[in-house]
C-alpha atoms as a PDB file:
ATOM      1  CA  GLN A   1      41.923 -28.169  -4.857  1.00  0.00           C
ATOM      2  CA  TYR A   2      44.653 -26.208  -3.142  1.00  0.00           C
ATOM      3  CA  THR A   3      45.373 -24.866   0.326  1.00  0.00           C
ATOM      4  CA  LYS A   4      45.803 -21.135   0.837  1.00  0.00           C
ATOM      5  CA  GLU A   5      49.561 -21.837   0.589  1.00  0.00           C
ATOM      6  CA  MET A   6      48.899 -23.214  -2.942  1.00  0.00           C
ATOM      7  CA  GLN A   7      49.634 -26.830  -2.020  1.00  0.00           C
ATOM      8  CA  PRO A   8      47.471 -29.640  -3.439  1.00  0.00           C
ATOM      9  CA  ALA A   9      44.864 -30.822  -0.912  1.00  0.00           C
ATOM     10  CA  TRP A  10      42.019 -33.305  -0.603  1.00  0.00           C
ATOM     11  CA  ALA A  11      38.720 -32.202  -2.099  1.00  0.00           C
ATOM     12  CA  ARG A  12      35.879 -34.758  -2.252  1.00  0.00           C
ATOM     13  CA  LYS A  13      36.583 -38.200  -0.808  1.00  0.00           C
ATOM     14  CA  PHE A  14      37.671 -39.432  -4.246  1.00  0.00           C
ATOM     15  CA  GLU A  15      39.819 -36.392  -5.128  1.00  0.00           C
ATOM     16  CA  PRO A  16      43.242 -36.766  -3.490  1.00  0.00           C
ATOM     17  CA  PRO A  17      46.039 -34.203  -3.474  1.00  0.00           C
ATOM     18  CA  ALA A  18      47.565 -34.933  -6.866  1.00  0.00           C
ATOM     19  CA  ILE A  19      48.628 -33.670 -10.246  1.00  0.00           C
ATOM     20  CA  THR A  20      45.685 -33.885 -12.591  1.00  0.00           C
ATOM     21  CA  GLY A  21      45.758 -35.281 -16.089  1.00  0.00           C
ATOM     22  CA  GLY A  22      42.276 -33.958 -16.795  1.00  0.00           C
ATOM     23  CA  GLU A  23      41.854 -30.411 -15.565  1.00  0.00           C
ATOM     24  CA  SER A  24      45.417 -29.537 -16.591  1.00  0.00           C
ATOM     25  CA  GLN A  25      44.360 -29.861 -20.220  1.00  0.00           C
ATOM     26  CA  THR A  26      41.648 -27.251 -19.715  1.00  0.00           C
ATOM     27  CA  VAL A  27      44.088 -24.958 -17.920  1.00  0.00           C
ATOM     28  CA  MET A  28      46.620 -25.268 -20.754  1.00  0.00           C
ATOM     29  CA  SER A  29      43.914 -24.559 -23.362  1.00  0.00           C
ATOM     30  CA  THR A  30      42.956 -21.462 -21.371  1.00  0.00           C
ATOM     31  CA  LEU A  31      46.592 -20.328 -21.285  1.00  0.00           C
ATOM     32  CA  LEU A  32      46.754 -20.718 -25.080  1.00  0.00           C
ATOM     33  CA  GLU A  33      43.646 -18.580 -25.415  1.00  0.00           C
ATOM     34  CA  LEU A  34      45.070 -15.935 -23.076  1.00  0.00           C
ATOM     35  CA  ALA A  35      48.266 -15.830 -25.133  1.00  0.00           C
ATOM     36  CA  ARG A  36      46.272 -15.468 -28.370  1.00  0.00           C
ATOM     37  CA  GLU A  37      44.036 -12.732 -27.001  1.00  0.00           C
ATOM     38  CA  THR A  38      46.733 -10.686 -25.267  1.00  0.00           C
ATOM     39  CA  GLY A  39      49.668 -11.354 -27.591  1.00  0.00           C
ATOM     40  CA  GLU A  40      51.785 -12.088 -24.502  1.00  0.00           C
ATOM     41  CA  ASP A  41      54.016 -15.144 -24.541  1.00  0.00           C
ATOM     42  CA  LYS A  42      54.352 -15.278 -20.735  1.00  0.00           C
ATOM     43  CA  PHE A  43      51.342 -17.608 -20.713  1.00  0.00           C
ATOM     44  CA  LEU A  44      53.282 -20.126 -22.819  1.00  0.00           C
ATOM     45  CA  LYS A  45      56.484 -20.325 -20.785  1.00  0.00           C
ATOM     46  CA  PRO A  46      55.461 -23.472 -18.816  1.00  0.00           C
ATOM     47  CA  PHE A  47      54.420 -25.386 -21.944  1.00  0.00           C
ATOM     48  CA  PRO A  48      57.660 -27.181 -22.904  1.00  0.00           C
ATOM     49  CA  LYS A  49      58.095 -28.728 -19.439  1.00  0.00           C
ATOM     50  CA  ALA A  50      54.384 -29.413 -18.981  1.00  0.00           C
ATOM     51  CA  LEU A  51      54.009 -31.085 -22.382  1.00  0.00           C
ATOM     52  CA  ALA A  52      57.082 -33.257 -21.782  1.00  0.00           C
ATOM     53  CA  TYR A  53      55.727 -34.251 -18.369  1.00  0.00           C
ATOM     54  CA  TYR A  54      52.291 -35.204 -19.693  1.00  0.00           C
ATOM     55  CA  LYS A  55      53.716 -37.154 -22.649  1.00  0.00           C
ATOM     56  CA  LYS A  56      55.757 -39.173 -20.164  1.00  0.00           C
ATOM     57  CA  SER A  57      52.651 -39.666 -17.998  1.00  0.00           C
ATOM     58  CA  GLN A  58      50.304 -41.160 -20.621  1.00  0.00           C
ATOM     59  CA  LEU A  59      48.748 -44.489 -19.784  1.00  0.00           C
ATOM     60  CA  PRO A  60      49.529 -47.431 -22.125  1.00  0.00           C
ATOM     61  CA  SER A  61      46.112 -46.817 -23.758  1.00  0.00           C
ATOM     62  CA  GLY A  62      47.195 -43.274 -24.686  1.00  0.00           C
ATOM     63  CA  LYS A  63      44.685 -41.798 -22.247  1.00  0.00           C
ATOM     64  CA  MET A  64      45.500 -39.976 -19.026  1.00  0.00           C
ATOM     65  CA  ALA A  65      44.830 -40.804 -15.406  1.00  0.00           C
ATOM     66  CA  ARG A  66      42.748 -38.127 -13.739  1.00  0.00           C
ATOM     67  CA  PHE A  67      45.177 -38.152 -10.792  1.00  0.00           C
ATOM     68  CA  TYR A  68      48.938 -38.695 -10.534  1.00  0.00           C
ATOM     69  CA  GLU A  69      50.562 -39.219  -7.162  1.00  0.00           C
ATOM     70  CA  LEU A  70      52.734 -36.355  -5.972  1.00  0.00           C
ATOM     71  CA  LYS A  71      56.485 -37.125  -6.125  1.00  0.00           C
ATOM     72  CA  THR A  72      56.092 -40.638  -7.664  1.00  0.00           C
ATOM     73  CA  ASN A  73      53.872 -39.708 -10.637  1.00  0.00           C
ATOM     74  CA  ARG A  74      52.038 -43.037 -10.379  1.00  0.00           C
ATOM     75  CA  PRO A  75      48.404 -43.020 -11.558  1.00  0.00           C
ATOM     76  CA  LEU A  76      45.928 -42.992  -8.670  1.00  0.00           C
ATOM     77  CA  TYR A  77      42.466 -44.541  -8.676  1.00  0.00           C
ATOM     78  CA  PHE A  78      39.746 -45.408  -6.196  1.00  0.00           C
ATOM     79  CA  THR A  79      37.850 -48.627  -5.652  1.00  0.00           C
ATOM     80  CA  LYS A  80      34.073 -48.667  -5.507  1.00  0.00           C
ATOM     81  CA  GLN A  81      34.481 -48.571  -1.716  1.00  0.00           C
ATOM     82  CA  TYR A  82      36.549 -45.360  -2.106  1.00  0.00           C
ATOM     83  CA  GLU A  83      39.863 -46.893  -1.142  1.00  0.00           C
ATOM     84  CA  LEU A  84      42.825 -45.182  -2.778  1.00  0.00           C
ATOM     85  CA  THR A  85      44.731 -47.585  -5.035  1.00  0.00           C
ATOM     86  CA  TYR A  86      47.182 -47.806  -7.925  1.00  0.00           C
ATOM     87  CA  SER A  87      44.881 -50.230  -9.771  1.00  0.00           C
ATOM     88  CA  SER A  88      42.136 -49.238 -12.198  1.00  0.00           C
ATOM     89  CA  ALA A  89      40.392 -52.628 -11.834  1.00  0.00           C
ATOM     90  CA  ASP A  90      37.535 -51.676  -9.461  1.00  0.00           C
ATOM     91  CA  MET A  91      36.700 -48.022 -10.137  1.00  0.00           C
ATOM     92  CA  PRO A  92      33.329 -46.357  -9.477  1.00  0.00           C
ATOM     93  CA  THR A  93      31.475 -45.486 -12.675  1.00  0.00           C
ATOM     94  CA  HIS A  94      30.222 -42.028 -11.628  1.00  0.00           C
ATOM     95  CA  TYR A  95      33.579 -40.302 -12.057  1.00  0.00           C
ATOM     96  CA  GLY A  96      36.211 -40.245 -14.799  1.00  0.00           C
ATOM     97  CA  PHE A  97      39.359 -41.636 -13.210  1.00  0.00           C
ATOM     98  CA  ILE A  98      40.694 -42.175 -16.745  1.00  0.00           C
ATOM     99  CA  VAL A  99      40.274 -39.210 -19.086  1.00  0.00           C
ATOM    100  CA  GLY A 100      40.926 -38.324 -22.701  1.00  0.00           C
ATOM    101  CA  ASN A 101      44.235 -37.021 -23.930  1.00  0.00           C
ATOM    102  CA  LYS A 102      44.232 -33.737 -25.869  1.00  0.00           C
ATOM    103  CA  PHE A 103      47.887 -32.950 -25.289  1.00  0.00           C
ATOM    104  CA  ASP A 104      48.808 -33.593 -28.956  1.00  0.00           C
ATOM    105  CA  ARG A 105      46.259 -30.977 -30.023  1.00  0.00           C
ATOM    106  CA  ILE A 106      47.460 -28.598 -27.291  1.00  0.00           C
ATOM    107  CA  GLU A 107      51.068 -29.082 -28.409  1.00  0.00           C
ATOM    108  CA  LYS A 108      50.122 -28.484 -32.054  1.00  0.00           C
ATOM    109  CA  GLU A 109      48.441 -25.183 -31.140  1.00  0.00           C
ATOM    110  CA  TYR A 110      51.389 -24.214 -28.938  1.00  0.00           C
ATOM    111  CA  ASN A 111      53.828 -24.887 -31.814  1.00  0.00           C
ATOM    112  CA  ARG A 112      51.615 -22.949 -34.238  1.00  0.00           C
ATOM    113  CA  LEU A 113      51.654 -19.934 -31.935  1.00  0.00           C
ATOM    114  CA  MET A 114      55.407 -20.142 -31.409  1.00  0.00           C
ATOM    115  CA  GLU A 115      55.967 -20.211 -35.191  1.00  0.00           C
ATOM    116  CA  THR A 116      53.632 -17.259 -35.826  1.00  0.00           C
ATOM    117  CA  ASP A 117      54.449 -13.593 -35.399  1.00  0.00           C
ATOM    118  CA  ARG A 118      52.814 -12.439 -32.154  1.00  0.00           C
ATOM    119  CA  SER A 119      51.038  -9.597 -33.913  1.00  0.00           C
ATOM    120  CA  LYS A 120      49.032 -12.245 -35.806  1.00  0.00           C
ATOM    121  CA  TRP A 121      48.044 -14.325 -32.763  1.00  0.00           C
ATOM    122  CA  ARG A 122      44.842 -12.497 -32.051  1.00  0.00           C
ATOM    123  CA  SER A 123      41.871 -13.614 -34.066  1.00  0.00           C
ATOM    124  CA  PRO A 124      40.416 -10.794 -36.155  1.00  0.00           C
ATOM    125  CA  ARG A 125      36.858 -11.148 -34.871  1.00  0.00           C
ATOM    126  CA  LYS A 126      35.032  -7.981 -34.049  1.00  0.00           C
ATOM    127  CA  GLN A 127      32.485  -7.898 -31.304  1.00  0.00           C
ATOM    128  CA  ARG A 128      29.783  -5.309 -31.195  1.00  0.00           C
ATOM    129  CA  PRO A 129      29.831  -3.513 -27.870  1.00  0.00           C
ATOM    130  CA  PRO A 130      26.826  -4.446 -25.726  1.00  0.00           C
ATOM    131  CA  GLN A 131      23.876  -2.092 -25.952  1.00  0.00           C
ATOM    132  CA  MET A 132      21.705  -1.049 -23.037  1.00  0.00           C
ATOM    133  CA  SER A 133      18.054  -1.990 -23.472  1.00  0.00           C
ATOM    134  CA  ASN A 134      14.911  -2.064 -21.376  1.00  0.00           C
ATOM    135  CA  GLY A 135      14.995  -5.871 -21.561  1.00  0.00           C
ATOM    136  CA  LEU A 136      18.533  -5.965 -20.184  1.00  0.00           C
ATOM    137  CA  LYS A 137      17.611  -3.534 -17.393  1.00  0.00           C
ATOM    138  CA  SER A 138      14.586  -5.658 -16.440  1.00  0.00           C
ATOM    139  CA  ARG A 139      16.640  -8.835 -16.481  1.00  0.00           C
ATOM    140  CA  VAL A 140      19.286  -7.318 -14.192  1.00  0.00           C
ATOM    141  CA  GLN A 141      16.611  -6.023 -11.798  1.00  0.00           C
ATOM    142  CA  LYS A 142      15.191  -9.556 -11.549  1.00  0.00           C
ATOM    143  CA  ILE A 143      18.669 -11.070 -11.088  1.00  0.00           C
ATOM    144  CA  LEU A 144      19.395  -8.676  -8.219  1.00  0.00           C
ATOM    145  CA  ALA A 145      15.972  -9.255  -6.643  1.00  0.00           C
ATOM    146  CA  ASP A 146      16.499 -13.040  -6.779  1.00  0.00           C
ATOM    147  CA  MET A 147      19.624 -12.879  -4.579  1.00  0.00           C
ATOM    148  CA  ASP A 148      19.373 -14.002  -0.966  1.00  0.00           C
ATOM    149  CA  ASP A 149      20.849 -12.104   2.001  1.00  0.00           C
ATOM    150  CA  ARG A 150      24.303 -13.523   1.230  1.00  0.00           C
ATOM    151  CA  GLY A 151      24.178 -12.443  -2.402  1.00  0.00           C
ATOM    152  CA  ALA A 152      23.615 -15.989  -3.703  1.00  0.00           C
ATOM    153  CA  TRP A 153      21.046 -17.268  -6.190  1.00  0.00           C
ATOM    154  CA  VAL A 154      19.427 -20.206  -4.393  1.00  0.00           C
ATOM    155  CA  GLU A 155      16.766 -22.339  -6.045  1.00  0.00           C
ATOM    156  CA  ALA A 156      15.083 -25.724  -5.706  1.00  0.00           C
ATOM    157  CA  GLY A 157      17.095 -28.427  -7.430  1.00  0.00           C
ATOM    158  CA  GLU A 158      18.774 -31.810  -7.230  1.00  0.00           C
ATOM    159  CA  LEU A 159      22.342 -32.794  -6.475  1.00  0.00           C
ATOM    160  CA  LYS A 160      23.340 -35.171  -9.251  1.00  0.00           C
ATOM    161  CA  TYR A 161      24.750 -38.009  -7.139  1.00  0.00           C
ATOM    162  CA  HIS A 162      22.821 -37.469  -3.907  1.00  0.00           C
ATOM    163  CA  LYS A 163      19.345 -38.740  -4.693  1.00  0.00           C
ATOM    164  CA  ASN A 164      17.107 -39.987  -1.909  1.00  0.00           C
ATOM    165  CA  ALA A 165      13.404 -39.894  -1.106  1.00  0.00           C
ATOM    166  CA  ASP A 166      13.547 -36.133  -0.648  1.00  0.00           C
ATOM    167  CA  HIS A 167      16.156 -35.274  -3.271  1.00  0.00           C
ATOM    168  CA  VAL A 168      14.897 -31.790  -4.145  1.00  0.00           C
ATOM    169  CA  ARG A 169      16.595 -29.195  -1.970  1.00  0.00           C
ATOM    170  CA  LYS A 170      17.874 -25.638  -2.038  1.00  0.00           C
ATOM    171  CA  ILE A 171      20.976 -25.423  -4.223  1.00  0.00           C
ATOM    172  CA  ILE A 172      23.163 -22.928  -6.030  1.00  0.00           C
ATOM    173  CA  ASP A 173      22.969 -24.090  -9.638  1.00  0.00           C
ATOM    174  CA  PRO A 174      26.184 -23.262 -11.523  1.00  0.00           C
ATOM    175  CA  ARG A 175      24.199 -22.782 -14.753  1.00  0.00           C
ATOM    176  CA  THR A 176      22.054 -20.092 -13.144  1.00  0.00           C
ATOM    177  CA  PHE A 177      25.123 -18.520 -11.551  1.00  0.00           C
ATOM    178  CA  SER A 178      26.924 -18.427 -14.904  1.00  0.00           C
ATOM    179  CA  LYS A 179      23.956 -16.948 -16.807  1.00  0.00           C
ATOM    180  CA  ASN A 180      23.422 -14.299 -14.136  1.00  0.00           C
ATOM    181  CA  ILE A 181      27.086 -13.291 -13.986  1.00  0.00           C
ATOM    182  CA  GLU A 182      27.182 -13.035 -17.777  1.00  0.00           C
ATOM    183  CA  ALA A 183      24.080 -10.821 -17.808  1.00  0.00           C
ATOM    184  CA  LEU A 184      25.551  -8.591 -15.092  1.00  0.00           C
ATOM    185  CA  ALA A 185      28.804  -8.299 -17.047  1.00  0.00           C
ATOM    186  CA  VAL A 186      26.920  -7.322 -20.214  1.00  0.00           C
ATOM    187  CA  PHE A 187      24.952  -4.759 -18.211  1.00  0.00           C
ATOM    188  CA  LEU A 188      28.142  -3.245 -16.788  1.00  0.00           C
ATOM    189  CA  ALA A 189      29.791  -3.169 -20.214  1.00  0.00           C
ATOM    190  CA  ALA A 190      26.733  -1.447 -21.699  1.00  0.00           C
ATOM    191  CA  SER A 191      26.511   1.124 -18.904  1.00  0.00           C
ATOM    192  CA  PRO A 192      27.899   4.584 -19.671  1.00  0.00           C
END
């Protein structure tokens, strides 16, 4: 999480301001995909420094810490009592404080792109443009009708780690949000 000034900030009580060894892998994979799809190498400019940094930051097991302390680069963990520590000995089990390491695969794809003519980066798949249909129109009408006054899709559901006697509550489910946004995007793309 970042402040509006783009500085790392606390998120949940076990997510300190830090450099992440986990989410950074997803971001770098997304940058590779953007480079492939657009043919623009600007998305790859940070890769040499980032890959060198993450290689240097691997844990002895070859995995990555989820969080690295700003300025010192030391791995950060939490105890089961949510005390910030440098030790991985007493971590809660509900959260991945140690994550997999896909940086070798990311580096391999980066090198492959750098050795390939940019005109060949884009995959030759062809997508059929979306077609308007009565089913799509009905689905979008329902999606719009299901929104509350704020424009949110609220439904009964459970928060994964917050179970109690009355654990069903009103939530915004990211799966519903994602499906609805995708349907709206298809509708817009199919509209004349």
